[in-house]
Amino acid sequence: MMKVILTLTMLALALSGAARAEVAGRFIQAEGQVELLKGGKPPAQPAKVDDGVEPGDAVHTKDLSRAQVKLLDDSILTIAPNSQIIIEEYLYEAAKNQRRASIQVLQGLMQAVVTRLFPGKEPDFLVKTPDAVMGVRGTEWYVLKGADTDFTDAFVKTGKILVQTAAPSLGGLGPE
């Protein structure tokens, strides 16, 4: 009987580990009230330096707060006060020179520094808002999503971004 319980416990632990997402990056800065919602769901926990972020996680910064997340490909996301983002998808395979990233900006200001370029015609690092989808390739830039209005502003410091509307009625990419 004890052998059966031990086997079931080990099986449960193995399955729970297999269901866990891979870490996409880590906080390198968390000042003030920075909340991390694992899987995008409450309860929120205070984010600390070296905490991991995974696909599906949400980061919320409060008044006078900010955070930086360094992703596995060395891209850096700086999240300004009163902002909300979601790491929708993140896959990085260094050995294959491949990356697939999708960051959703729900509100506020985020700076993205994406320095690594990988082969391929399509952008492999997307930033989305309800209004727009932006593809990035080797760029330092900012995206601002208004809290109470439907606007998205993008400011490019270096490099290039491709911007398309997210509204299917306007011929954009639409929601996935």
N, C-alpha and C. Protein backbone atom coordinates (compact mmCIF):
# COMPACT_ATOMS: atom_id res chain seq x y z
N MET A 1 0.83 -1.19 0.00
CA MET A 1 0.00 0.00 0.00
C MET A 1 0.88 1.26 0.00
N MET A 2 1.91 1.26 0.82
CA MET A 2 2.82 2.41 0.89
C MET A 2 3.49 2.64 -0.45
N LYS A 3 3.83 1.57 -1.16
CA LYS A 3 4.46 1.67 -2.46
C LYS A 3 3.54 2.35 -3.48
N VAL A 4 2.24 2.06 -3.40
CA VAL A 4 1.27 2.65 -4.30
C VAL A 4 1.14 4.15 -4.03
N ILE A 5 1.09 4.53 -2.76
CA ILE A 5 0.98 5.94 -2.39
C ILE A 5 2.22 6.70 -2.86
N LEU A 6 3.40 6.13 -2.65
CA LEU A 6 4.64 6.77 -3.08
C LEU A 6 4.67 6.92 -4.60
N THR A 7 4.25 5.91 -5.32
CA THR A 7 4.22 5.97 -6.78
C THR A 7 3.25 7.04 -7.26
N LEU A 8 2.06 7.12 -6.67
CA LEU A 8 1.08 8.13 -7.05
C LEU A 8 1.58 9.54 -6.74
N THR A 9 2.25 9.70 -5.62
CA THR A 9 2.80 11.01 -5.25
C THR A 9 3.86 11.44 -6.25
N MET A 10 4.75 10.53 -6.62
CA MET A 10 5.80 10.84 -7.58
C MET A 10 5.21 11.17 -8.96
N LEU A 11 4.17 10.44 -9.34
CA LEU A 11 3.51 10.70 -10.62
C LEU A 11 2.86 12.08 -10.62
N ALA A 12 2.20 12.44 -9.52
CA ALA A 12 1.57 13.76 -9.41
C ALA A 12 2.60 14.88 -9.48
N LEU A 13 3.74 14.70 -8.82
CA LEU A 13 4.80 15.70 -8.87
C LEU A 13 5.38 15.83 -10.28
N ALA A 14 5.56 14.72 -10.95
CA ALA A 14 6.09 14.74 -12.31
C ALA A 14 5.13 15.45 -13.26
N LEU A 15 3.84 15.18 -13.13
CA LEU A 15 2.86 15.81 -14.00
C LEU A 15 2.74 17.30 -13.72
N SER A 16 2.80 17.70 -12.47
CA SER A 16 2.71 19.13 -12.15
C SER A 16 3.93 19.86 -12.67
N GLY A 17 5.09 19.26 -12.65
CA GLY A 17 6.30 19.88 -13.19
C GLY A 17 6.24 19.99 -14.70
N ALA A 18 5.66 18.99 -15.36
CA ALA A 18 5.55 19.03 -16.81
C ALA A 18 4.57 20.10 -17.27
N ALA A 19 3.59 20.42 -16.44
CA ALA A 19 2.59 21.42 -16.81
C ALA A 19 3.09 22.84 -16.60
N ARG A 20 4.18 23.02 -15.87
CA ARG A 20 4.72 24.34 -15.61
C ARG A 20 5.29 24.97 -16.88
N ALA A 21 5.09 26.25 -17.01
CA ALA A 21 5.65 26.98 -18.14
C ALA A 21 7.13 27.24 -17.90
N GLU A 22 7.84 27.45 -18.98
CA GLU A 22 9.25 27.79 -18.88
C GLU A 22 9.39 29.26 -18.52
N VAL A 23 10.40 29.59 -17.76
CA VAL A 23 10.65 30.97 -17.39
C VAL A 23 11.07 31.74 -18.65
N ALA A 24 10.42 32.89 -18.88
CA ALA A 24 10.71 33.73 -20.03
C ALA A 24 11.78 34.75 -19.69
N GLY A 25 11.87 35.12 -18.42
CA GLY A 25 12.83 36.11 -17.99
C GLY A 25 12.73 36.33 -16.50
N ARG A 26 13.45 37.35 -16.02
CA ARG A 26 13.47 37.64 -14.58
C ARG A 26 13.42 39.15 -14.36
N PHE A 27 12.84 39.52 -13.23
CA PHE A 27 12.85 40.92 -12.84
C PHE A 27 14.28 41.32 -12.50
N ILE A 28 14.75 42.41 -13.08
CA ILE A 28 16.05 42.95 -12.71
C ILE A 28 15.86 44.24 -11.92
N GLN A 29 14.61 44.72 -11.88
CA GLN A 29 14.27 45.89 -11.07
C GLN A 29 12.79 45.80 -10.72
N ALA A 30 12.46 46.13 -9.49
CA ALA A 30 11.07 46.22 -9.03
C ALA A 30 11.04 47.28 -7.94
N GLU A 31 10.62 48.49 -8.30
CA GLU A 31 10.60 49.61 -7.35
C GLU A 31 9.16 49.97 -7.04
N GLY A 32 8.86 50.17 -5.76
CA GLY A 32 7.52 50.54 -5.35
C GLY A 32 6.60 49.33 -5.33
N GLN A 33 5.35 49.55 -5.72
CA GLN A 33 4.35 48.47 -5.72
C GLN A 33 4.26 47.86 -7.12
N VAL A 34 4.95 46.75 -7.29
CA VAL A 34 4.92 46.00 -8.55
C VAL A 34 4.29 44.66 -8.24
N GLU A 35 3.22 44.34 -8.96
CA GLU A 35 2.50 43.09 -8.72
C GLU A 35 2.71 42.13 -9.88
N LEU A 36 2.86 40.86 -9.51
CA LEU A 36 2.97 39.78 -10.48
C LEU A 36 1.77 38.87 -10.30
N LEU A 37 1.03 38.66 -11.37
CA LEU A 37 -0.11 37.74 -11.34
C LEU A 37 0.27 36.51 -12.16
N LYS A 38 0.55 35.42 -11.49
CA LYS A 38 0.96 34.19 -12.17
C LYS A 38 -0.22 33.68 -13.00
N GLY A 39 0.06 33.40 -14.25
CA GLY A 39 -0.99 32.96 -15.15
C GLY A 39 -2.03 34.04 -15.41
N GLY A 40 -1.72 35.29 -15.01
CA GLY A 40 -2.63 36.40 -15.21
C GLY A 40 -3.80 36.43 -14.24
N LYS A 41 -3.74 35.57 -13.22
CA LYS A 41 -4.87 35.43 -12.30
C LYS A 41 -4.49 35.82 -10.88
N PRO A 42 -5.48 36.41 -10.15
CA PRO A 42 -5.23 36.70 -8.74
C PRO A 42 -5.01 35.41 -7.97
N PRO A 43 -4.38 35.51 -6.83
CA PRO A 43 -3.96 36.72 -6.14
C PRO A 43 -2.65 37.25 -6.70
N ALA A 44 -2.53 38.57 -6.65
CA ALA A 44 -1.28 39.22 -7.06
C ALA A 44 -0.27 39.05 -5.95
N GLN A 45 0.98 38.89 -6.33
CA GLN A 45 2.05 38.81 -5.34
C GLN A 45 3.05 39.92 -5.64
N PRO A 46 3.67 40.48 -4.61
CA PRO A 46 4.67 41.52 -4.85
C PRO A 46 5.85 40.95 -5.64
N ALA A 47 6.23 41.64 -6.70
CA ALA A 47 7.37 41.20 -7.51
C ALA A 47 8.66 41.66 -6.85
N LYS A 48 9.67 40.81 -6.92
CA LYS A 48 10.98 41.11 -6.36
C LYS A 48 12.05 40.82 -7.42
N VAL A 49 13.19 41.47 -7.28
CA VAL A 49 14.31 41.21 -8.17
C VAL A 49 14.62 39.71 -8.14
N ASP A 50 14.86 39.14 -9.29
CA ASP A 50 15.17 37.72 -9.53
C ASP A 50 13.93 36.84 -9.61
N ASP A 51 12.73 37.38 -9.35
CA ASP A 51 11.52 36.58 -9.57
C ASP A 51 11.40 36.29 -11.06
N GLY A 52 10.98 35.09 -11.40
CA GLY A 52 10.80 34.71 -12.79
C GLY A 52 9.43 35.12 -13.31
N VAL A 53 9.38 35.39 -14.61
CA VAL A 53 8.11 35.61 -15.29
C VAL A 53 7.98 34.54 -16.37
N GLU A 54 6.76 34.08 -16.55
CA GLU A 54 6.46 33.00 -17.50
C GLU A 54 5.38 33.45 -18.46
N PRO A 55 5.26 32.78 -19.59
CA PRO A 55 4.15 33.09 -20.49
C PRO A 55 2.82 32.97 -19.72
N GLY A 56 1.96 33.97 -19.93
CA GLY A 56 0.68 34.03 -19.24
C GLY A 56 0.69 34.93 -18.02
N ASP A 57 1.87 35.29 -17.52
CA ASP A 57 1.97 36.15 -16.34
C ASP A 57 1.66 37.60 -16.70
N ALA A 58 1.05 38.31 -15.73
CA ALA A 58 0.76 39.73 -15.88
C ALA A 58 1.59 40.51 -14.86
N VAL A 59 2.02 41.70 -15.26
CA VAL A 59 2.77 42.59 -14.39
C VAL A 59 1.99 43.90 -14.31
N HIS A 60 1.70 44.36 -13.10
CA HIS A 60 1.01 45.63 -12.87
C HIS A 60 1.90 46.51 -12.00
N THR A 61 2.10 47.74 -12.43
CA THR A 61 2.82 48.71 -11.60
C THR A 61 1.82 49.75 -11.10
N LYS A 62 1.99 50.15 -9.87
CA LYS A 62 1.12 51.15 -9.24
C LYS A 62 1.78 52.53 -9.34
N ASP A 63 1.14 53.55 -8.71
CA ASP A 63 1.70 54.90 -8.68
C ASP A 63 3.15 54.87 -8.18
N LEU A 64 4.00 55.68 -8.80
CA LEU A 64 5.40 55.84 -8.39
C LEU A 64 6.15 54.51 -8.34
N SER A 65 5.79 53.59 -9.20
CA SER A 65 6.41 52.25 -9.23
C SER A 65 6.86 51.95 -10.65
N ARG A 66 7.87 51.11 -10.76
CA ARG A 66 8.30 50.67 -12.09
C ARG A 66 9.04 49.35 -11.97
N ALA A 67 9.18 48.71 -13.12
CA ALA A 67 9.84 47.40 -13.13
C ALA A 67 10.61 47.21 -14.42
N GLN A 68 11.61 46.35 -14.36
CA GLN A 68 12.33 45.92 -15.55
C GLN A 68 12.39 44.41 -15.54
N VAL A 69 12.12 43.84 -16.71
CA VAL A 69 12.21 42.39 -16.89
C VAL A 69 13.22 42.13 -18.00
N LYS A 70 14.22 41.30 -17.70
CA LYS A 70 15.19 40.90 -18.72
C LYS A 70 14.78 39.52 -19.20
N LEU A 71 14.48 39.44 -20.49
CA LEU A 71 14.06 38.17 -21.08
C LEU A 71 15.28 37.33 -21.43
N LEU A 72 15.06 36.06 -21.71
CA LEU A 72 16.16 35.13 -21.95
C LEU A 72 17.04 35.52 -23.14
N ASP A 73 16.47 36.23 -24.12
CA ASP A 73 17.25 36.66 -25.29
C ASP A 73 17.95 37.99 -25.07
N ASP A 74 17.96 38.46 -23.82
CA ASP A 74 18.58 39.72 -23.39
C ASP A 74 17.75 40.96 -23.73
N SER A 75 16.55 40.79 -24.27
CA SER A 75 15.64 41.92 -24.45
C SER A 75 15.24 42.43 -23.07
N ILE A 76 15.01 43.72 -22.97
CA ILE A 76 14.62 44.30 -21.67
C ILE A 76 13.32 45.07 -21.83
N LEU A 77 12.37 44.77 -20.96
CA LEU A 77 11.10 45.47 -20.89
C LEU A 77 11.14 46.37 -19.66
N THR A 78 10.93 47.67 -19.84
CA THR A 78 10.83 48.60 -18.72
C THR A 78 9.38 49.04 -18.65
N ILE A 79 8.77 48.82 -17.49
CA ILE A 79 7.34 49.07 -17.31
C ILE A 79 7.18 50.27 -16.39
N ALA A 80 6.55 51.32 -16.90
CA ALA A 80 6.40 52.58 -16.19
C ALA A 80 5.30 52.50 -15.14
N PRO A 81 5.19 53.54 -14.28
CA PRO A 81 4.11 53.56 -13.28
C PRO A 81 2.72 53.46 -13.93
N ASN A 82 1.79 52.88 -13.19
CA ASN A 82 0.39 52.74 -13.61
C ASN A 82 0.26 52.02 -14.95
N SER A 83 1.00 50.95 -15.12
CA SER A 83 0.98 50.18 -16.36
C SER A 83 0.61 48.73 -16.08
N GLN A 84 0.09 48.08 -17.12
CA GLN A 84 -0.27 46.67 -17.04
C GLN A 84 0.15 45.98 -18.32
N ILE A 85 0.93 44.90 -18.18
CA ILE A 85 1.32 44.11 -19.35
C ILE A 85 1.09 42.64 -19.07
N ILE A 86 1.02 41.86 -20.14
CA ILE A 86 0.93 40.41 -20.05
C ILE A 86 1.98 39.81 -20.97
N ILE A 87 2.75 38.87 -20.47
CA ILE A 87 3.67 38.10 -21.31
C ILE A 87 2.81 37.01 -21.94
N GLU A 88 2.26 37.26 -23.12
CA GLU A 88 1.33 36.30 -23.74
C GLU A 88 2.04 35.02 -24.16
N GLU A 89 3.18 35.21 -24.83
CA GLU A 89 3.91 34.06 -25.36
C GLU A 89 5.38 34.40 -25.35
N TYR A 90 6.21 33.41 -25.05
CA TYR A 90 7.64 33.63 -25.14
C TYR A 90 8.33 32.28 -25.32
N LEU A 91 9.04 32.16 -26.41
CA LEU A 91 9.82 30.96 -26.70
C LEU A 91 11.14 31.43 -27.28
N TYR A 92 12.23 30.98 -26.68
CA TYR A 92 13.55 31.34 -27.16
C TYR A 92 14.41 30.10 -27.21
N GLU A 93 14.94 29.83 -28.40
CA GLU A 93 15.83 28.69 -28.60
C GLU A 93 17.15 29.22 -29.14
N ALA A 94 18.10 29.46 -28.25
CA ALA A 94 19.38 30.06 -28.63
C ALA A 94 20.12 29.22 -29.66
N ALA A 95 20.11 27.91 -29.48
CA ALA A 95 20.85 27.03 -30.39
C ALA A 95 20.31 27.09 -31.82
N LYS A 96 19.03 27.39 -31.96
CA LYS A 96 18.40 27.46 -33.29
C LYS A 96 18.23 28.90 -33.78
N ASN A 97 18.70 29.88 -33.00
CA ASN A 97 18.51 31.28 -33.35
C ASN A 97 17.05 31.59 -33.64
N GLN A 98 16.18 31.15 -32.74
CA GLN A 98 14.74 31.37 -32.92
C GLN A 98 14.15 31.99 -31.66
N ARG A 99 13.18 32.86 -31.91
CA ARG A 99 12.46 33.49 -30.82
C ARG A 99 11.03 33.73 -31.30
N ARG A 100 10.11 33.59 -30.38
CA ARG A 100 8.72 33.95 -30.64
C ARG A 100 8.20 34.60 -29.36
N ALA A 101 7.96 35.91 -29.44
CA ALA A 101 7.53 36.65 -28.25
C ALA A 101 6.29 37.47 -28.59
N SER A 102 5.39 37.55 -27.63
CA SER A 102 4.19 38.36 -27.77
C SER A 102 3.89 38.97 -26.40
N ILE A 103 3.95 40.30 -26.34
CA ILE A 103 3.70 41.04 -25.11
C ILE A 103 2.46 41.90 -25.33
N GLN A 104 1.51 41.82 -24.42
CA GLN A 104 0.29 42.63 -24.49
C GLN A 104 0.42 43.80 -23.52
N VAL A 105 0.24 45.02 -24.02
CA VAL A 105 0.23 46.21 -23.18
C VAL A 105 -1.23 46.62 -23.02
N LEU A 106 -1.77 46.43 -21.82
CA LEU A 106 -3.17 46.74 -21.56
C LEU A 106 -3.36 48.21 -21.19
N GLN A 107 -2.35 48.77 -20.53
CA GLN A 107 -2.44 50.16 -20.07
C GLN A 107 -1.05 50.66 -19.74
N GLY A 108 -0.82 51.93 -20.00
CA GLY A 108 0.41 52.55 -19.56
C GLY A 108 1.51 52.57 -20.59
N LEU A 109 2.73 52.70 -20.11
CA LEU A 109 3.91 52.87 -20.95
C LEU A 109 4.91 51.76 -20.71
N MET A 110 5.40 51.19 -21.80
CA MET A 110 6.44 50.16 -21.71
C MET A 110 7.52 50.49 -22.73
N GLN A 111 8.77 50.41 -22.30
CA GLN A 111 9.90 50.53 -23.21
C GLN A 111 10.39 49.11 -23.49
N ALA A 112 10.67 48.83 -24.75
CA ALA A 112 11.24 47.53 -25.12
C ALA A 112 12.56 47.77 -25.84
N VAL A 113 13.61 47.11 -25.37
CA VAL A 113 14.90 47.13 -26.03
C VAL A 113 15.15 45.71 -26.53
N VAL A 114 15.02 45.54 -27.84
CA VAL A 114 15.14 44.23 -28.48
C VAL A 114 16.33 44.33 -29.43
N THR A 115 17.46 43.77 -29.03
CA THR A 115 18.69 43.97 -29.80
C THR A 115 19.06 42.80 -30.70
N ARG A 116 18.59 41.63 -30.39
CA ARG A 116 18.98 40.46 -31.19
C ARG A 116 18.08 40.32 -32.41
N LEU A 117 18.73 40.12 -33.56
CA LEU A 117 18.02 39.86 -34.81
C LEU A 117 18.19 38.40 -35.16
N PHE A 118 17.11 37.78 -35.59
CA PHE A 118 17.15 36.39 -36.00
C PHE A 118 16.67 36.30 -37.44
N PRO A 119 17.14 35.28 -38.19
CA PRO A 119 16.73 35.17 -39.58
C PRO A 119 15.21 34.98 -39.69
N GLY A 120 14.68 35.47 -40.78
CA GLY A 120 13.24 35.34 -41.04
C GLY A 120 12.67 36.65 -41.51
N LYS A 121 11.65 36.56 -42.31
CA LYS A 121 11.02 37.76 -42.86
C LYS A 121 10.05 38.39 -41.89
N GLU A 122 9.36 37.59 -41.13
CA GLU A 122 8.34 38.10 -40.21
C GLU A 122 8.96 38.49 -38.87
N PRO A 123 8.45 39.57 -38.27
CA PRO A 123 8.93 39.92 -36.93
C PRO A 123 8.64 38.79 -35.94
N ASP A 124 9.59 38.52 -35.08
CA ASP A 124 9.43 37.43 -34.11
C ASP A 124 9.20 37.96 -32.69
N PHE A 125 9.06 39.27 -32.56
CA PHE A 125 8.80 39.90 -31.27
C PHE A 125 7.65 40.88 -31.48
N LEU A 126 6.47 40.51 -31.00
CA LEU A 126 5.28 41.33 -31.18
C LEU A 126 4.88 42.01 -29.88
N VAL A 127 4.44 43.25 -29.99
CA VAL A 127 3.84 43.95 -28.87
C VAL A 127 2.43 44.32 -29.33
N LYS A 128 1.45 43.96 -28.51
CA LYS A 128 0.05 44.16 -28.88
C LYS A 128 -0.64 45.08 -27.88
N THR A 129 -1.57 45.86 -28.41
CA THR A 129 -2.53 46.59 -27.59
C THR A 129 -3.89 46.26 -28.20
N PRO A 130 -4.98 46.64 -27.56
CA PRO A 130 -6.28 46.42 -28.19
C PRO A 130 -6.43 47.13 -29.53
N ASP A 131 -5.61 48.15 -29.79
CA ASP A 131 -5.71 48.96 -31.01
C ASP A 131 -4.73 48.57 -32.10
N ALA A 132 -3.58 48.02 -31.74
CA ALA A 132 -2.50 47.83 -32.71
C ALA A 132 -1.67 46.61 -32.38
N VAL A 133 -0.99 46.11 -33.43
CA VAL A 133 -0.01 45.04 -33.28
C VAL A 133 1.28 45.57 -33.91
N MET A 134 2.38 45.52 -33.14
CA MET A 134 3.65 46.04 -33.60
C MET A 134 4.69 44.94 -33.63
N GLY A 135 5.33 44.78 -34.78
CA GLY A 135 6.40 43.81 -34.93
C GLY A 135 7.73 44.51 -34.83
N VAL A 136 8.65 43.92 -34.09
CA VAL A 136 9.91 44.56 -33.75
C VAL A 136 11.06 43.72 -34.27
N ARG A 137 12.10 44.40 -34.77
CA ARG A 137 13.33 43.72 -35.17
C ARG A 137 14.50 44.64 -34.84
N GLY A 138 15.23 44.32 -33.79
CA GLY A 138 16.42 45.09 -33.42
C GLY A 138 16.12 46.55 -33.14
N THR A 139 15.35 46.79 -32.10
CA THR A 139 14.79 48.12 -31.90
C THR A 139 14.79 48.51 -30.43
N GLU A 140 14.92 49.81 -30.18
CA GLU A 140 14.66 50.37 -28.86
C GLU A 140 13.51 51.34 -29.05
N TRP A 141 12.41 51.10 -28.36
CA TRP A 141 11.21 51.88 -28.59
C TRP A 141 10.28 51.84 -27.40
N TYR A 142 9.23 52.68 -27.46
CA TYR A 142 8.25 52.79 -26.40
C TYR A 142 6.86 52.59 -26.99
N VAL A 143 5.97 52.00 -26.21
CA VAL A 143 4.57 51.91 -26.60
C VAL A 143 3.74 52.44 -25.43
N LEU A 144 2.77 53.30 -25.75
CA LEU A 144 1.89 53.90 -24.75
C LEU A 144 0.46 53.54 -25.09
N LYS A 145 -0.23 52.91 -24.15
CA LYS A 145 -1.64 52.57 -24.30
C LYS A 145 -2.42 53.40 -23.32
N GLY A 146 -3.33 54.24 -23.84
CA GLY A 146 -4.15 55.09 -22.98
C GLY A 146 -5.10 54.27 -22.13
N ALA A 147 -5.29 54.69 -20.90
CA ALA A 147 -6.12 53.94 -19.95
C ALA A 147 -7.60 54.08 -20.24
N ASP A 148 -8.06 55.28 -20.51
CA ASP A 148 -9.49 55.50 -20.64
C ASP A 148 -9.94 55.76 -22.08
N THR A 149 -9.00 55.77 -23.01
CA THR A 149 -9.35 56.04 -24.40
C THR A 149 -8.74 54.97 -25.29
N ASP A 150 -9.25 54.91 -26.49
CA ASP A 150 -8.75 53.92 -27.44
C ASP A 150 -7.65 54.51 -28.30
N PHE A 151 -6.44 54.56 -27.76
CA PHE A 151 -5.32 55.00 -28.57
C PHE A 151 -4.07 54.23 -28.17
N THR A 152 -3.20 54.08 -29.13
CA THR A 152 -1.89 53.51 -28.91
C THR A 152 -0.89 54.43 -29.61
N ASP A 153 0.15 54.84 -28.91
CA ASP A 153 1.24 55.62 -29.49
C ASP A 153 2.51 54.79 -29.41
N ALA A 154 3.31 54.85 -30.46
CA ALA A 154 4.61 54.18 -30.46
C ALA A 154 5.68 55.21 -30.79
N PHE A 155 6.77 55.20 -30.05
CA PHE A 155 7.89 56.12 -30.24
C PHE A 155 9.14 55.28 -30.45
N VAL A 156 9.75 55.40 -31.61
CA VAL A 156 10.93 54.60 -31.94
C VAL A 156 12.18 55.42 -31.70
N LYS A 157 13.07 54.91 -30.84
CA LYS A 157 14.34 55.59 -30.58
C LYS A 157 15.38 55.14 -31.60
N THR A 158 15.50 53.83 -31.82
CA THR A 158 16.39 53.29 -32.85
C THR A 158 15.71 52.09 -33.48
N GLY A 159 16.07 51.80 -34.71
CA GLY A 159 15.53 50.63 -35.39
C GLY A 159 14.20 50.92 -36.06
N LYS A 160 13.45 49.85 -36.30
CA LYS A 160 12.18 49.96 -37.02
C LYS A 160 11.14 49.06 -36.37
N ILE A 161 9.88 49.48 -36.51
CA ILE A 161 8.77 48.63 -36.11
C ILE A 161 7.76 48.63 -37.25
N LEU A 162 7.01 47.57 -37.35
CA LEU A 162 5.90 47.45 -38.29
C LEU A 162 4.63 47.55 -37.45
N VAL A 163 3.73 48.48 -37.80
CA VAL A 163 2.51 48.68 -37.03
C VAL A 163 1.32 48.38 -37.91
N GLN A 164 0.40 47.57 -37.37
CA GLN A 164 -0.86 47.27 -38.05
C GLN A 164 -1.99 47.44 -37.06
N THR A 165 -3.16 47.78 -37.58
CA THR A 165 -4.31 47.89 -36.70
C THR A 165 -4.71 46.50 -36.20
N ALA A 166 -5.24 46.46 -35.00
CA ALA A 166 -5.72 45.20 -34.44
C ALA A 166 -7.18 44.98 -34.78
N ALA A 167 -7.82 45.96 -35.41
CA ALA A 167 -9.25 45.87 -35.73
C ALA A 167 -9.46 45.09 -37.02
N PRO A 168 -10.11 43.93 -36.95
CA PRO A 168 -10.33 43.13 -38.16
C PRO A 168 -11.11 43.88 -39.24
N SER A 169 -12.01 44.78 -38.83
CA SER A 169 -12.82 45.52 -39.80
C SER A 169 -11.97 46.49 -40.64
N LEU A 170 -10.78 46.82 -40.16
CA LEU A 170 -9.89 47.70 -40.87
C LEU A 170 -8.78 46.95 -41.59
N GLY A 171 -8.91 45.64 -41.66
CA GLY A 171 -7.91 44.84 -42.36
C GLY A 171 -6.69 44.50 -41.54
N GLY A 172 -6.77 44.67 -40.23
CA GLY A 172 -5.63 44.37 -39.38
C GLY A 172 -5.53 42.90 -39.05
N LEU A 173 -4.61 42.60 -38.18
CA LEU A 173 -4.35 41.21 -37.80
C LEU A 173 -5.49 40.64 -36.97
N GLY A 174 -6.16 41.49 -36.22
CA GLY A 174 -7.27 41.03 -35.39
C GLY A 174 -6.80 40.23 -34.21
N PRO A 175 -7.70 39.97 -33.27
CA PRO A 175 -7.33 39.18 -32.10
C PRO A 175 -7.08 37.74 -32.47
N GLU A 176 -6.14 37.12 -31.75
CA GLU A 176 -5.84 35.71 -32.02
C GLU A 176 -6.68 34.81 -31.19
